[in-house]
Protein backbone atom coordinates (compact mmCIF):
# COMPACT_ATOMS: atom_id res chain seq x y z
CA MET A 1 -78.27 -117.80 -27.62
CA LYS A 2 -79.57 -117.74 -24.02
CA ILE A 3 -80.44 -115.33 -21.47
CA GLU A 4 -79.86 -116.63 -17.77
CA ARG A 5 -80.41 -115.16 -14.27
CA SER A 6 -76.95 -114.58 -12.69
CA LYS A 7 -76.60 -116.85 -10.11
CA VAL A 8 -73.54 -116.94 -7.71
CA SER A 9 -72.53 -120.53 -8.18
CA LYS A 10 -72.98 -120.01 -12.05
CA VAL A 11 -71.18 -116.70 -12.61
CA ALA A 12 -67.43 -116.69 -12.88
CA ILE A 13 -67.34 -113.47 -11.54
CA THR A 14 -65.05 -113.13 -8.15
CA THR A 15 -65.97 -110.79 -5.35
CA LYS A 16 -62.65 -111.27 -3.31
CA ALA A 17 -61.40 -108.43 -1.21
CA ARG A 18 -58.99 -106.38 -2.99
CA SER A 19 -55.47 -106.58 -2.07
CA ALA A 20 -54.11 -103.96 0.38
CA PHE A 21 -51.86 -102.40 -2.37
CA ALA A 22 -54.40 -102.01 -5.03
CA THR A 23 -55.93 -99.06 -5.95
CA PRO A 24 -59.67 -99.70 -6.95
CA VAL A 25 -61.44 -97.86 -9.82
CA VAL A 26 -65.28 -97.71 -9.03
CA ALA A 27 -67.83 -98.10 -12.02
CA ARG A 28 -71.64 -98.65 -11.78
CA CYS A 29 -74.73 -99.19 -14.04
CA LEU A 30 -77.54 -96.38 -14.69
CA CYS A 31 -79.57 -97.15 -11.58
CA GLY A 32 -77.01 -97.97 -9.23
CA ALA A 33 -78.12 -101.47 -8.18
CA VAL A 34 -74.85 -103.14 -9.73
CA GLN A 35 -71.46 -101.83 -8.73
CA ILE A 36 -67.91 -103.11 -9.88
CA GLU A 37 -64.35 -102.42 -9.41
CA ILE A 38 -61.03 -102.93 -11.41
CA GLU A 39 -57.72 -102.38 -9.93
CA PHE A 40 -55.98 -99.52 -11.27
CA PRO A 41 -54.68 -99.28 -14.00
CA ALA A 42 -56.58 -101.11 -16.55
CA ARG A 43 -55.20 -103.76 -19.00
CA TRP A 44 -55.99 -102.20 -21.96
CA ALA A 45 -59.03 -100.15 -23.57
CA TRP A 46 -60.34 -99.83 -27.24
CA HIS A 47 -63.30 -99.02 -29.46
CA ASP A 48 -64.98 -102.06 -30.50
CA HIS A 49 -66.94 -101.39 -33.86
CA SER A 50 -68.56 -104.87 -34.68
CA GLY A 51 -71.94 -105.41 -35.17
CA PRO A 52 -72.66 -107.36 -32.14
CA SER A 53 -71.41 -104.36 -29.66
CA ARG A 54 -73.12 -102.06 -31.79
CA ARG A 55 -76.09 -103.72 -31.19
CA ALA A 56 -75.85 -104.65 -27.68
CA HIS A 57 -74.95 -101.07 -26.82
CA GLY A 58 -77.35 -99.09 -29.30
CA ALA A 59 -74.37 -97.09 -30.28
CA ALA A 60 -71.93 -96.54 -33.27
CA TYR A 61 -69.36 -98.02 -31.40
CA ALA A 62 -68.55 -99.37 -27.94
CA THR A 63 -65.67 -98.40 -26.24
CA TYR A 64 -64.33 -100.98 -23.51
CA VAL A 65 -61.55 -101.21 -20.67
CA GLY A 66 -60.09 -104.21 -20.19
CA SER A 67 -59.13 -106.03 -16.92
CA TRP A 68 -57.48 -109.10 -15.69
CA ARG A 69 -60.56 -111.16 -14.08
CA ARG A 70 -58.40 -111.41 -10.92
CA ARG A 71 -58.16 -107.78 -10.59
CA PHE A 72 -62.12 -107.22 -10.81
CA ARG A 73 -64.90 -107.48 -8.43
CA VAL A 74 -68.79 -107.01 -8.14
CA THR A 75 -68.98 -104.75 -4.87
CA LYS A 76 -72.59 -104.48 -5.07
CA GLY A 77 -75.80 -106.26 -7.03
CA GLN A 78 -74.16 -109.75 -7.96
CA ALA A 79 -77.57 -111.05 -8.16
CA LYS A 80 -79.20 -108.10 -10.43
CA LEU A 81 -76.59 -109.30 -13.25
CA THR A 82 -78.30 -111.01 -15.76
CA ARG A 83 -76.16 -112.98 -18.55
CA PHE A 84 -76.49 -113.23 -22.31
CA GLN A 85 -74.50 -116.12 -23.85
CA ASP A 86 -74.08 -116.31 -27.53
CA GLU A 87 -72.68 -119.71 -28.39
CA ALA A 88 -72.15 -118.86 -32.00
CA THR A 89 -69.30 -116.22 -31.06
CA GLY A 90 -68.25 -117.45 -27.93
CA THR A 91 -69.18 -114.28 -26.06
CA THR A 92 -71.12 -113.69 -22.80
CA ARG A 93 -72.69 -109.92 -22.00
CA SER A 94 -73.82 -109.36 -18.51
CA PHE A 95 -76.29 -106.47 -17.64
CA CYS A 96 -78.12 -105.03 -15.14
CA SER A 97 -81.31 -106.94 -14.72
CA ARG A 98 -83.18 -103.67 -13.28
CA CYS A 99 -81.89 -101.11 -15.80
CA GLY A 100 -80.34 -102.75 -18.73
CA THR A 101 -76.97 -101.25 -18.39
CA PRO A 102 -74.18 -103.71 -20.36
CA ILE A 103 -71.82 -104.58 -17.46
CA LEU A 104 -69.52 -106.79 -18.87
CA TYR A 105 -68.29 -108.36 -22.13
CA GLU A 106 -66.53 -111.62 -22.20
CA HIS A 107 -64.94 -113.78 -24.54
CA LYS A 108 -64.26 -117.44 -24.52
CA ARG A 109 -60.71 -117.30 -26.08
CA SER A 110 -59.77 -114.79 -23.25
CA PRO A 111 -61.19 -116.32 -19.80
CA HIS A 112 -58.50 -114.50 -17.84
CA MET A 113 -59.84 -111.04 -19.16
CA VAL A 114 -63.34 -109.08 -18.51
CA ASN A 115 -64.19 -106.00 -20.40
CA ILE A 116 -66.26 -103.36 -19.15
CA PRO A 117 -68.08 -100.21 -20.86
CA ARG A 118 -65.60 -97.15 -20.38
CA ALA A 119 -68.63 -95.17 -19.90
CA LEU A 120 -69.48 -97.08 -16.52
CA PHE A 121 -66.24 -95.33 -15.05
CA ALA A 122 -66.49 -91.85 -13.52
CA ASN A 123 -62.90 -91.36 -13.07
CA ARG A 124 -59.88 -92.17 -15.00
CA THR A 125 -58.89 -96.06 -15.71
CA GLY A 126 -55.10 -95.89 -16.54
CA ARG A 127 -55.87 -96.78 -20.16
CA GLU A 128 -56.74 -94.45 -22.80
CA PRO A 129 -58.65 -96.27 -26.01
CA ARG A 130 -55.91 -96.09 -28.74
CA TYR A 131 -57.08 -99.11 -30.44
CA HIS A 132 -60.00 -100.14 -32.98
CA VAL A 133 -61.33 -103.41 -33.30
CA ALA A 134 -63.26 -104.47 -36.49
CA ILE A 135 -62.75 -100.91 -38.04
CA GLU A 136 -63.77 -102.49 -41.08
CA GLU A 137 -67.38 -102.22 -39.83
CA LEU A 138 -67.32 -98.67 -38.89
CA GLN A 139 -70.74 -97.46 -40.15
CA ASP A 140 -71.03 -94.31 -42.62
CA TRP A 141 -73.34 -92.56 -39.96
CA THR A 142 -70.60 -92.45 -37.38
CA TYR A 143 -69.09 -89.10 -36.18
CA THR A 144 -65.48 -89.11 -36.99
CA GLY A 145 -64.51 -85.85 -35.55
CA GLU A 146 -65.68 -83.59 -38.30
CA PRO A 147 -65.90 -79.77 -37.18
CA LEU A 148 -69.00 -79.00 -35.32
CA VAL A 149 -70.54 -75.71 -35.07
CA PRO A 150 -73.31 -74.48 -32.52
CA LEU A 151 -77.13 -74.52 -34.01
CA LYS A 152 -78.53 -71.21 -34.01
CA GLY A 153 -81.54 -71.05 -31.67
CA PHE A 154 -80.63 -74.49 -29.80
CA PRO A 155 -78.15 -73.94 -26.90
CA GLY A 156 -76.34 -76.62 -26.29
CA ILE A 157 -76.71 -78.39 -29.56
CA VAL A 158 -73.93 -78.44 -32.47
CA TRP A 159 -73.96 -79.71 -35.65
CA GLU A 160 -71.93 -80.49 -38.93
CA ARG A 161 -72.24 -77.68 -41.17
CA PRO A 162 -72.98 -78.93 -44.66
CA THR A 163 -70.26 -78.63 -47.30
CA ARG A 164 -70.53 -76.95 -50.27
CA ARG A 165 -69.62 -78.69 -53.61
CA LYS A 166 -69.01 -76.96 -56.79
CA TRP A 167 -70.16 -78.51 -60.00
CA ARG A 168 -69.63 -77.63 -63.59
CA ARG A 169 -72.34 -77.53 -65.88
CA SER A 170 -71.99 -78.66 -69.37
CA GLY A 171 -71.40 -75.10 -70.69
CA GLY A 172 -68.47 -74.67 -68.04
CA ASP A 173 -70.61 -72.33 -65.58
CA LEU A 174 -70.14 -73.28 -61.82
CA LEU A 175 -72.90 -74.37 -59.70
CA THR A 176 -72.86 -74.34 -56.05
CA ILE A 177 -74.96 -77.26 -54.45
CA HIS A 178 -75.53 -77.26 -50.72
CA HIS A 179 -75.73 -80.46 -48.63
């Protein structure tokens, strides 16, 4: 594994001018130092539940949008990109060296594709994430759509109301337990 500061000659990221017919979709890092764009629509989108993506994003899973490399451009902050290469997995992750935002996920087996965290885009990308990668690695603490209700006294906070389980005592009486 190695981390290197991105150099224009080392990075296989294009900064070509976009075609006259392409509609760009813009994404940016948290601090705004790095800005990228892909041509609309994106190639595909998915949720990645794998351990490396969870750790790279500090989240239960990462949602990515995939684009053909030739339809991807760094429009601002090329020099701010830092790359982490993991030879064991054949992946490279690029992030903003100023704020740490993950920007790109690349895999050696798909050199013609770049993958961008969906959350970096303010607008639609033309693809909804309908696929799940490494679903067998889904964590038991991941929110999976259970009903949420407002938490009394805390505006803007919602929570999962505990379920009530009924247990039978040895004598046949019902006992309700709250979790």
